[in-house]
Amino acid sequence: MMNRFEGSTSREAKIRYLDGDFQIVLAGSHVICAMTGRTIPVDELRYWSVARQEAYVDAEASVEAEKRAGALPNQRR
């Protein structure tokens, strides 16, 4: 049985992030989170910014990126 990422298992994918979807420009097995530097398998990619064309490992990293970019006000506790 062939793995669908065979031949690109250690290569970073190049992706164009769209509203609600993404387009793979260059096949690869993963992308890198813009906030944490962690590897995100392409089939687990759920969070990204269309405006900044960045991927995020989870919702927390996505919110932090929005704050960093000034898109969300800093929340006070």
PDB file of N, CA and C in Angstrom:
ATOM      1  N   MET A   1       0.837  -1.183   0.000  1.00  0.00           N
ATOM      2  CA  MET A   1       0.000   0.000   0.000  1.00  0.00           C
ATOM      3  C   MET A   1       0.882   1.248   0.000  1.00  0.00           C
ATOM      4  N   MET A   2       0.578   2.184  -0.846  1.00  0.00           N
ATOM      5  CA  MET A   2       1.383   3.400  -0.934  1.00  0.00           C
ATOM      6  C   MET A   2       0.813   4.481  -0.030  1.00  0.00           C
ATOM      7  N   ASN A   3       1.708   5.178   0.647  1.00  0.00           N
ATOM      8  CA  ASN A   3       1.327   6.335   1.443  1.00  0.00           C
ATOM      9  C   ASN A   3       1.053   7.479   0.478  1.00  0.00           C
ATOM     10  N   ARG A   4       0.015   8.272   0.734  1.00  0.00           N
ATOM     11  CA  ARG A   4      -0.303   9.351  -0.208  1.00  0.00           C
ATOM     12  C   ARG A   4       0.746  10.439  -0.230  1.00  0.00           C
ATOM     13  N   PHE A   5       1.633  10.481   0.786  1.00  0.00           N
ATOM     14  CA  PHE A   5       2.705  11.465   0.809  1.00  0.00           C
ATOM     15  C   PHE A   5       4.040  10.859   0.395  1.00  0.00           C
ATOM     16  N   GLU A   6       4.022   9.625  -0.087  1.00  0.00           N
ATOM     17  CA  GLU A   6       5.259   8.946  -0.450  1.00  0.00           C
ATOM     18  C   GLU A   6       6.050   9.790  -1.448  1.00  0.00           C
ATOM     19  N   GLY A   7       7.339   9.906  -1.191  1.00  0.00           N
ATOM     20  CA  GLY A   7       8.186  10.700  -2.053  1.00  0.00           C
ATOM     21  C   GLY A   7       8.305  12.140  -1.579  1.00  0.00           C
ATOM     22  N   SER A   8       7.463  12.551  -0.636  1.00  0.00           N
ATOM     23  CA  SER A   8       7.537  13.918  -0.127  1.00  0.00           C
ATOM     24  C   SER A   8       7.394  13.929   1.394  1.00  0.00           C
ATOM     25  N   THR A   9       7.779  12.829   2.029  1.00  0.00           N
ATOM     26  CA  THR A   9       7.528  12.680   3.456  1.00  0.00           C
ATOM     27  C   THR A   9       8.251  13.694   4.323  1.00  0.00           C
ATOM     28  N   SER A  10       9.373  14.203   3.890  1.00  0.00           N
ATOM     29  CA  SER A  10      10.068  15.164   4.736  1.00  0.00           C
ATOM     30  C   SER A  10      10.103  16.558   4.117  1.00  0.00           C
ATOM     31  N   ARG A  11       9.364  16.765   3.057  1.00  0.00           N
ATOM     32  CA  ARG A  11       9.386  18.055   2.372  1.00  0.00           C
ATOM     33  C   ARG A  11       8.241  18.941   2.858  1.00  0.00           C
ATOM     34  N   GLU A  12       8.536  20.220   3.031  1.00  0.00           N
ATOM     35  CA  GLU A  12       7.513  21.181   3.409  1.00  0.00           C
ATOM     36  C   GLU A  12       6.650  21.503   2.194  1.00  0.00           C
ATOM     37  N   ALA A  13       5.348  21.443   2.388  1.00  0.00           N
ATOM     38  CA  ALA A  13       4.417  21.793   1.308  1.00  0.00           C
ATOM     39  C   ALA A  13       4.360  23.307   1.164  1.00  0.00           C
ATOM     40  N   LYS A  14       4.115  23.756  -0.043  1.00  0.00           N
ATOM     41  CA  LYS A  14       3.868  25.177  -0.299  1.00  0.00           C
ATOM     42  C   LYS A  14       2.379  25.289  -0.568  1.00  0.00           C
ATOM     43  N   ILE A  15       1.714  26.129   0.211  1.00  0.00           N
ATOM     44  CA  ILE A  15       0.257  26.192   0.161  1.00  0.00           C
ATOM     45  C   ILE A  15      -0.214  27.631  -0.009  1.00  0.00           C
ATOM     46  N   ARG A  16      -1.265  27.789  -0.794  1.00  0.00           N
ATOM     47  CA  ARG A  16      -1.939  29.090  -0.906  1.00  0.00           C
ATOM     48  C   ARG A  16      -3.203  28.977  -0.069  1.00  0.00           C
ATOM     49  N   TYR A  17      -3.279  29.822   0.965  1.00  0.00           N
ATOM     50  CA  TYR A  17      -4.400  29.777   1.908  1.00  0.00           C
ATOM     51  C   TYR A  17      -5.554  30.630   1.390  1.00  0.00           C
ATOM     52  N   LEU A  18      -6.733  30.022   1.325  1.00  0.00           N
ATOM     53  CA  LEU A  18      -7.939  30.659   0.825  1.00  0.00           C
ATOM     54  C   LEU A  18      -8.979  30.709   1.944  1.00  0.00           C
ATOM     55  N   ASP A  19     -10.068  31.410   1.715  1.00  0.00           N
ATOM     56  CA  ASP A  19     -11.166  31.434   2.687  1.00  0.00           C
ATOM     57  C   ASP A  19     -11.797  30.050   2.777  1.00  0.00           C
ATOM     58  N   GLY A  20     -11.646  29.397   3.923  1.00  0.00           N
ATOM     59  CA  GLY A  20     -12.274  28.107   4.144  1.00  0.00           C
ATOM     60  C   GLY A  20     -11.637  26.930   3.440  1.00  0.00           C
ATOM     61  N   ASP A  21     -10.539  27.145   2.742  1.00  0.00           N
ATOM     62  CA  ASP A  21      -9.878  26.073   2.010  1.00  0.00           C
ATOM     63  C   ASP A  21      -8.439  26.485   1.737  1.00  0.00           C
ATOM     64  N   PHE A  22      -7.663  25.577   1.199  1.00  0.00           N
ATOM     65  CA  PHE A  22      -6.315  25.905   0.776  1.00  0.00           C
ATOM     66  C   PHE A  22      -5.976  25.136  -0.481  1.00  0.00           C
ATOM     67  N   GLN A  23      -5.006  25.646  -1.216  1.00  0.00           N
ATOM     68  CA  GLN A  23      -4.583  25.024  -2.470  1.00  0.00           C
ATOM     69  C   GLN A  23      -3.119  24.644  -2.341  1.00  0.00           C
ATOM     70  N   ILE A  24      -2.804  23.396  -2.594  1.00  0.00           N
ATOM     71  CA  ILE A  24      -1.416  22.940  -2.531  1.00  0.00           C
ATOM     72  C   ILE A  24      -0.715  23.351  -3.817  1.00  0.00           C
ATOM     73  N   VAL A  25       0.315  24.182  -3.669  1.00  0.00           N
ATOM     74  CA  VAL A  25       1.083  24.674  -4.804  1.00  0.00           C
ATOM     75  C   VAL A  25       2.244  23.732  -5.091  1.00  0.00           C
ATOM     76  N   LEU A  26       2.890  23.250  -4.023  1.00  0.00           N
ATOM     77  CA  LEU A  26       3.986  22.287  -4.137  1.00  0.00           C
ATOM     78  C   LEU A  26       3.738  21.195  -3.112  1.00  0.00           C
ATOM     79  N   ALA A  27       3.588  19.956  -3.568  1.00  0.00           N
ATOM     80  CA  ALA A  27       3.270  18.845  -2.674  1.00  0.00           C
ATOM     81  C   ALA A  27       4.337  18.662  -1.614  1.00  0.00           C
ATOM     82  N   GLY A  28       3.884  18.302  -0.451  1.00  0.00           N
ATOM     83  CA  GLY A  28       4.764  18.007   0.670  1.00  0.00           C
ATOM     84  C   GLY A  28       3.930  17.384   1.765  1.00  0.00           C
ATOM     85  N   SER A  29       4.590  16.963   2.819  1.00  0.00           N
ATOM     86  CA  SER A  29       3.884  16.278   3.898  1.00  0.00           C
ATOM     87  C   SER A  29       3.417  17.207   4.998  1.00  0.00           C
ATOM     88  N   HIS A  30       3.996  18.403   5.068  1.00  0.00           N
ATOM     89  CA  HIS A  30       3.702  19.264   6.207  1.00  0.00           C
ATOM     90  C   HIS A  30       3.937  20.740   5.879  1.00  0.00           C
ATOM     91  N   VAL A  31       3.480  21.601   6.802  1.00  0.00           N
ATOM     92  CA  VAL A  31       3.795  23.023   6.790  1.00  0.00           C
ATOM     93  C   VAL A  31       4.302  23.361   8.189  1.00  0.00           C
ATOM     94  N   ILE A  32       4.817  24.566   8.363  1.00  0.00           N
ATOM     95  CA  ILE A  32       5.370  24.990   9.640  1.00  0.00           C
ATOM     96  C   ILE A  32       4.483  26.079  10.244  1.00  0.00           C
ATOM     97  N   CYS A  33       4.168  25.946  11.518  1.00  0.00           N
ATOM     98  CA  CYS A  33       3.366  26.945  12.219  1.00  0.00           C
ATOM     99  C   CYS A  33       4.153  28.248  12.315  1.00  0.00           C
ATOM    100  N   ALA A  34       3.536  29.341  11.887  1.00  0.00           N
ATOM    101  CA  ALA A  34       4.193  30.649  11.886  1.00  0.00           C
ATOM    102  C   ALA A  34       4.454  31.172  13.297  1.00  0.00           C
ATOM    103  N   MET A  35       3.708  30.694  14.289  1.00  0.00           N
ATOM    104  CA  MET A  35       3.871  31.179  15.661  1.00  0.00           C
ATOM    105  C   MET A  35       4.787  30.303  16.501  1.00  0.00           C
ATOM    106  N   THR A  36       4.685  28.997  16.331  1.00  0.00           N
ATOM    107  CA  THR A  36       5.416  28.086  17.212  1.00  0.00           C
ATOM    108  C   THR A  36       6.604  27.395  16.555  1.00  0.00           C
ATOM    109  N   GLY A  37       6.613  27.376  15.219  1.00  0.00           N
ATOM    110  CA  GLY A  37       7.659  26.650  14.510  1.00  0.00           C
ATOM    111  C   GLY A  37       7.426  25.147  14.457  1.00  0.00           C
ATOM    112  N   ARG A  38       6.303  24.704  15.012  1.00  0.00           N
ATOM    113  CA  ARG A  38       6.001  23.268  15.014  1.00  0.00           C
ATOM    114  C   ARG A  38       5.542  22.805  13.640  1.00  0.00           C
ATOM    115  N   THR A  39       5.821  21.542  13.357  1.00  0.00           N
ATOM    116  CA  THR A  39       5.411  20.917  12.102  1.00  0.00           C
ATOM    117  C   THR A  39       3.935  20.550  12.167  1.00  0.00           C
ATOM    118  N   ILE A  40       3.205  20.849  11.097  1.00  0.00           N
ATOM    119  CA  ILE A  40       1.786  20.512  10.995  1.00  0.00           C
ATOM    120  C   ILE A  40       1.598  19.612   9.775  1.00  0.00           C
ATOM    121  N   PRO A  41       1.214  18.351   9.965  1.00  0.00           N
ATOM    122  CA  PRO A  41       0.929  17.502   8.806  1.00  0.00           C
ATOM    123  C   PRO A  41      -0.174  18.149   7.966  1.00  0.00           C
ATOM    124  N   VAL A  42      -0.035  18.121   6.661  1.00  0.00           N
ATOM    125  CA  VAL A  42      -1.006  18.767   5.772  1.00  0.00           C
ATOM    126  C   VAL A  42      -2.419  18.253   6.035  1.00  0.00           C
ATOM    127  N   ASP A  43      -2.566  16.972   6.291  1.00  0.00           N
ATOM    128  CA  ASP A  43      -3.914  16.444   6.514  1.00  0.00           C
ATOM    129  C   ASP A  43      -4.492  16.826   7.872  1.00  0.00           C
ATOM    130  N   GLU A  44      -3.715  17.504   8.725  1.00  0.00           N
ATOM    131  CA  GLU A  44      -4.210  17.990  10.018  1.00  0.00           C
ATOM    132  C   GLU A  44      -4.299  19.515  10.056  1.00  0.00           C
ATOM    133  N   LEU A  45      -4.033  20.171   8.946  1.00  0.00           N
ATOM    134  CA  LEU A  45      -4.056  21.629   8.879  1.00  0.00           C
ATOM    135  C   LEU A  45      -5.484  22.151   9.001  1.00  0.00           C
ATOM    136  N   ARG A  46      -5.742  22.950  10.039  1.00  0.00           N
ATOM    137  CA  ARG A  46      -7.087  23.476  10.288  1.00  0.00           C
ATOM    138  C   ARG A  46      -7.106  24.998  10.458  1.00  0.00           C
ATOM    139  N   TYR A  47      -5.960  25.612  10.768  1.00  0.00           N
ATOM    140  CA  TYR A  47      -5.918  27.040  11.087  1.00  0.00           C
ATOM    141  C   TYR A  47      -4.887  27.754  10.230  1.00  0.00           C
ATOM    142  N   TRP A  48      -5.317  28.878   9.614  1.00  0.00           N
ATOM    143  CA  TRP A  48      -4.397  29.670   8.807  1.00  0.00           C
ATOM    144  C   TRP A  48      -4.947  31.073   8.633  1.00  0.00           C
ATOM    145  N   SER A  49      -4.087  31.957   8.141  1.00  0.00           N
ATOM    146  CA  SER A  49      -4.493  33.323   7.838  1.00  0.00           C
ATOM    147  C   SER A  49      -4.409  33.536   6.336  1.00  0.00           C
ATOM    148  N   VAL A  50      -5.528  33.934   5.745  1.00  0.00           N
ATOM    149  CA  VAL A  50      -5.542  34.263   4.323  1.00  0.00           C
ATOM    150  C   VAL A  50      -4.723  35.539   4.093  1.00  0.00           C
ATOM    151  N   ALA A  51      -4.917  36.527   4.953  1.00  0.00           N
ATOM    152  CA  ALA A  51      -4.239  37.824   4.796  1.00  0.00           C
ATOM    153  C   ALA A  51      -2.725  37.709   4.889  1.00  0.00           C
ATOM    154  N   ARG A  52      -2.254  36.887   5.831  1.00  0.00           N
ATOM    155  CA  ARG A  52      -0.805  36.762   6.034  1.00  0.00           C
ATOM    156  C   ARG A  52      -0.206  35.521   5.376  1.00  0.00           C
ATOM    157  N   GLN A  53      -1.072  34.652   4.840  1.00  0.00           N
ATOM    158  CA  GLN A  53      -0.618  33.412   4.203  1.00  0.00           C
ATOM    159  C   GLN A  53       0.294  32.626   5.148  1.00  0.00           C
ATOM    160  N   GLU A  54      -0.223  32.401   6.369  1.00  0.00           N
ATOM    161  CA  GLU A  54       0.501  31.660   7.408  1.00  0.00           C
ATOM    162  C   GLU A  54      -0.374  30.532   7.931  1.00  0.00           C
ATOM    163  N   ALA A  55       0.286  29.450   8.341  1.00  0.00           N
ATOM    164  CA  ALA A  55      -0.399  28.318   8.964  1.00  0.00           C
ATOM    165  C   ALA A  55      -0.160  28.360  10.466  1.00  0.00           C
ATOM    166  N   TYR A  56      -1.124  27.807  11.230  1.00  0.00           N
ATOM    167  CA  TYR A  56      -1.013  27.752  12.688  1.00  0.00           C
ATOM    168  C   TYR A  56      -1.355  26.358  13.176  1.00  0.00           C
ATOM    169  N   VAL A  57      -0.659  25.918  14.198  1.00  0.00           N
ATOM    170  CA  VAL A  57      -0.815  24.567  14.720  1.00  0.00           C
ATOM    171  C   VAL A  57      -2.155  24.369  15.429  1.00  0.00           C
ATOM    172  N   ASP A  58      -2.691  25.436  16.041  1.00  0.00           N
ATOM    173  CA  ASP A  58      -3.957  25.316  16.753  1.00  0.00           C
ATOM    174  C   ASP A  58      -4.625  26.683  16.869  1.00  0.00           C
ATOM    175  N   ALA A  59      -5.820  26.686  17.474  1.00  0.00           N
ATOM    176  CA  ALA A  59      -6.585  27.928  17.599  1.00  0.00           C
ATOM    177  C   ALA A  59      -5.840  28.962  18.436  1.00  0.00           C
ATOM    178  N   GLU A  60      -5.169  28.522  19.484  1.00  0.00           N
ATOM    179  CA  GLU A  60      -4.428  29.452  20.346  1.00  0.00           C
ATOM    180  C   GLU A  60      -3.341  30.182  19.552  1.00  0.00           C
ATOM    181  N   ALA A  61      -2.606  29.460  18.741  1.00  0.00           N
ATOM    182  CA  ALA A  61      -1.557  30.078  17.923  1.00  0.00           C
ATOM    183  C   ALA A  61      -2.170  31.049  16.922  1.00  0.00           C
ATOM    184  N   SER A  62      -3.337  30.713  16.387  1.00  0.00           N
ATOM    185  CA  SER A  62      -4.026  31.583  15.442  1.00  0.00           C
ATOM    186  C   SER A  62      -4.442  32.892  16.108  1.00  0.00           C
ATOM    187  N   VAL A  63      -4.996  32.808  17.312  1.00  0.00           N
ATOM    188  CA  VAL A  63      -5.418  34.003  18.043  1.00  0.00           C
ATOM    189  C   VAL A  63      -4.208  34.863  18.393  1.00  0.00           C
ATOM    190  N   GLU A  64      -3.122  34.232  18.821  1.00  0.00           N
ATOM    191  CA  GLU A  64      -1.912  34.989  19.147  1.00  0.00           C
ATOM    192  C   GLU A  64      -1.364  35.716  17.913  1.00  0.00           C
ATOM    193  N   ALA A  65      -1.455  35.086  16.757  1.00  0.00           N
ATOM    194  CA  ALA A  65      -1.004  35.725  15.515  1.00  0.00           C
ATOM    195  C   ALA A  65      -1.882  36.927  15.187  1.00  0.00           C
ATOM    196  N   GLU A  66      -3.182  36.796  15.422  1.00  0.00           N
ATOM    197  CA  GLU A  66      -4.096  37.919  15.192  1.00  0.00           C
ATOM    198  C   GLU A  66      -3.750  39.088  16.107  1.00  0.00           C
ATOM    199  N   LYS A  67      -3.473  38.780  17.382  1.00  0.00           N
ATOM    200  CA  LYS A  67      -3.079  39.831  18.331  1.00  0.00           C
ATOM    201  C   LYS A  67      -1.782  40.491  17.887  1.00  0.00           C
ATOM    202  N   ARG A  68      -0.815  39.674  17.484  1.00  0.00           N
ATOM    203  CA  ARG A  68       0.489  40.180  17.041  1.00  0.00           C
ATOM    204  C   ARG A  68       0.335  41.124  15.855  1.00  0.00           C
ATOM    205  N   ALA A  69      -0.589  40.772  14.980  1.00  0.00           N
ATOM    206  CA  ALA A  69      -0.806  41.578  13.775  1.00  0.00           C
ATOM    207  C   ALA A  69      -1.678  42.800  14.042  1.00  0.00           C
ATOM    208  N   GLY A  70      -2.185  42.918  15.263  1.00  0.00           N
ATOM    209  CA  GLY A  70      -3.038  44.043  15.606  1.00  0.00           C
ATOM    210  C   GLY A  70      -4.469  43.887  15.136  1.00  0.00           C
ATOM    211  N   ALA A  71      -4.842  42.671  14.748  1.00  0.00           N
ATOM    212  CA  ALA A  71      -6.190  42.425  14.252  1.00  0.00           C
ATOM    213  C   ALA A  71      -7.190  42.233  15.390  1.00  0.00           C
ATOM    214  N   LEU A  72      -6.694  41.897  16.576  1.00  0.00           N
ATOM    215  CA  LEU A  72      -7.559  41.718  17.752  1.00  0.00           C
ATOM    216  C   LEU A  72      -7.029  42.617  18.860  1.00  0.00           C
ATOM    217  N   PRO A  73      -7.912  43.207  19.638  1.00  0.00           N
ATOM    218  CA  PRO A  73      -7.424  44.002  20.786  1.00  0.00           C
ATOM    219  C   PRO A  73      -6.828  43.080  21.845  1.00  0.00           C
ATOM    220  N   ASN A  74      -5.837  43.568  22.557  1.00  0.00           N
ATOM    221  CA  ASN A  74      -5.289  42.787  23.675  1.00  0.00           C
ATOM    222  C   ASN A  74      -6.357  42.692  24.744  1.00  0.00           C
ATOM    223  N   GLN A  75      -6.551  41.503  25.246  1.00  0.00           N
ATOM    224  CA  GLN A  75      -7.577  41.305  26.267  1.00  0.00           C
ATOM    225  C   GLN A  75      -6.951  41.483  27.636  1.00  0.00           C
ATOM    226  N   ARG A  76      -7.645  42.216  28.485  1.00  0.00           N
ATOM    227  CA  ARG A  76      -7.182  42.416  29.859  1.00  0.00           C
ATOM    228  C   ARG A  76      -7.946  41.487  30.778  1.00  0.00           C
ATOM    229  N   ARG A  77      -7.256  41.031  31.808  1.00  0.00           N
ATOM    230  CA  ARG A  77      -7.900  40.132  32.784  1.00  0.00           C
ATOM    231  C   ARG A  77      -8.001  40.812  34.100  1.00  0.00           C
TER     232      ARG A  77
END
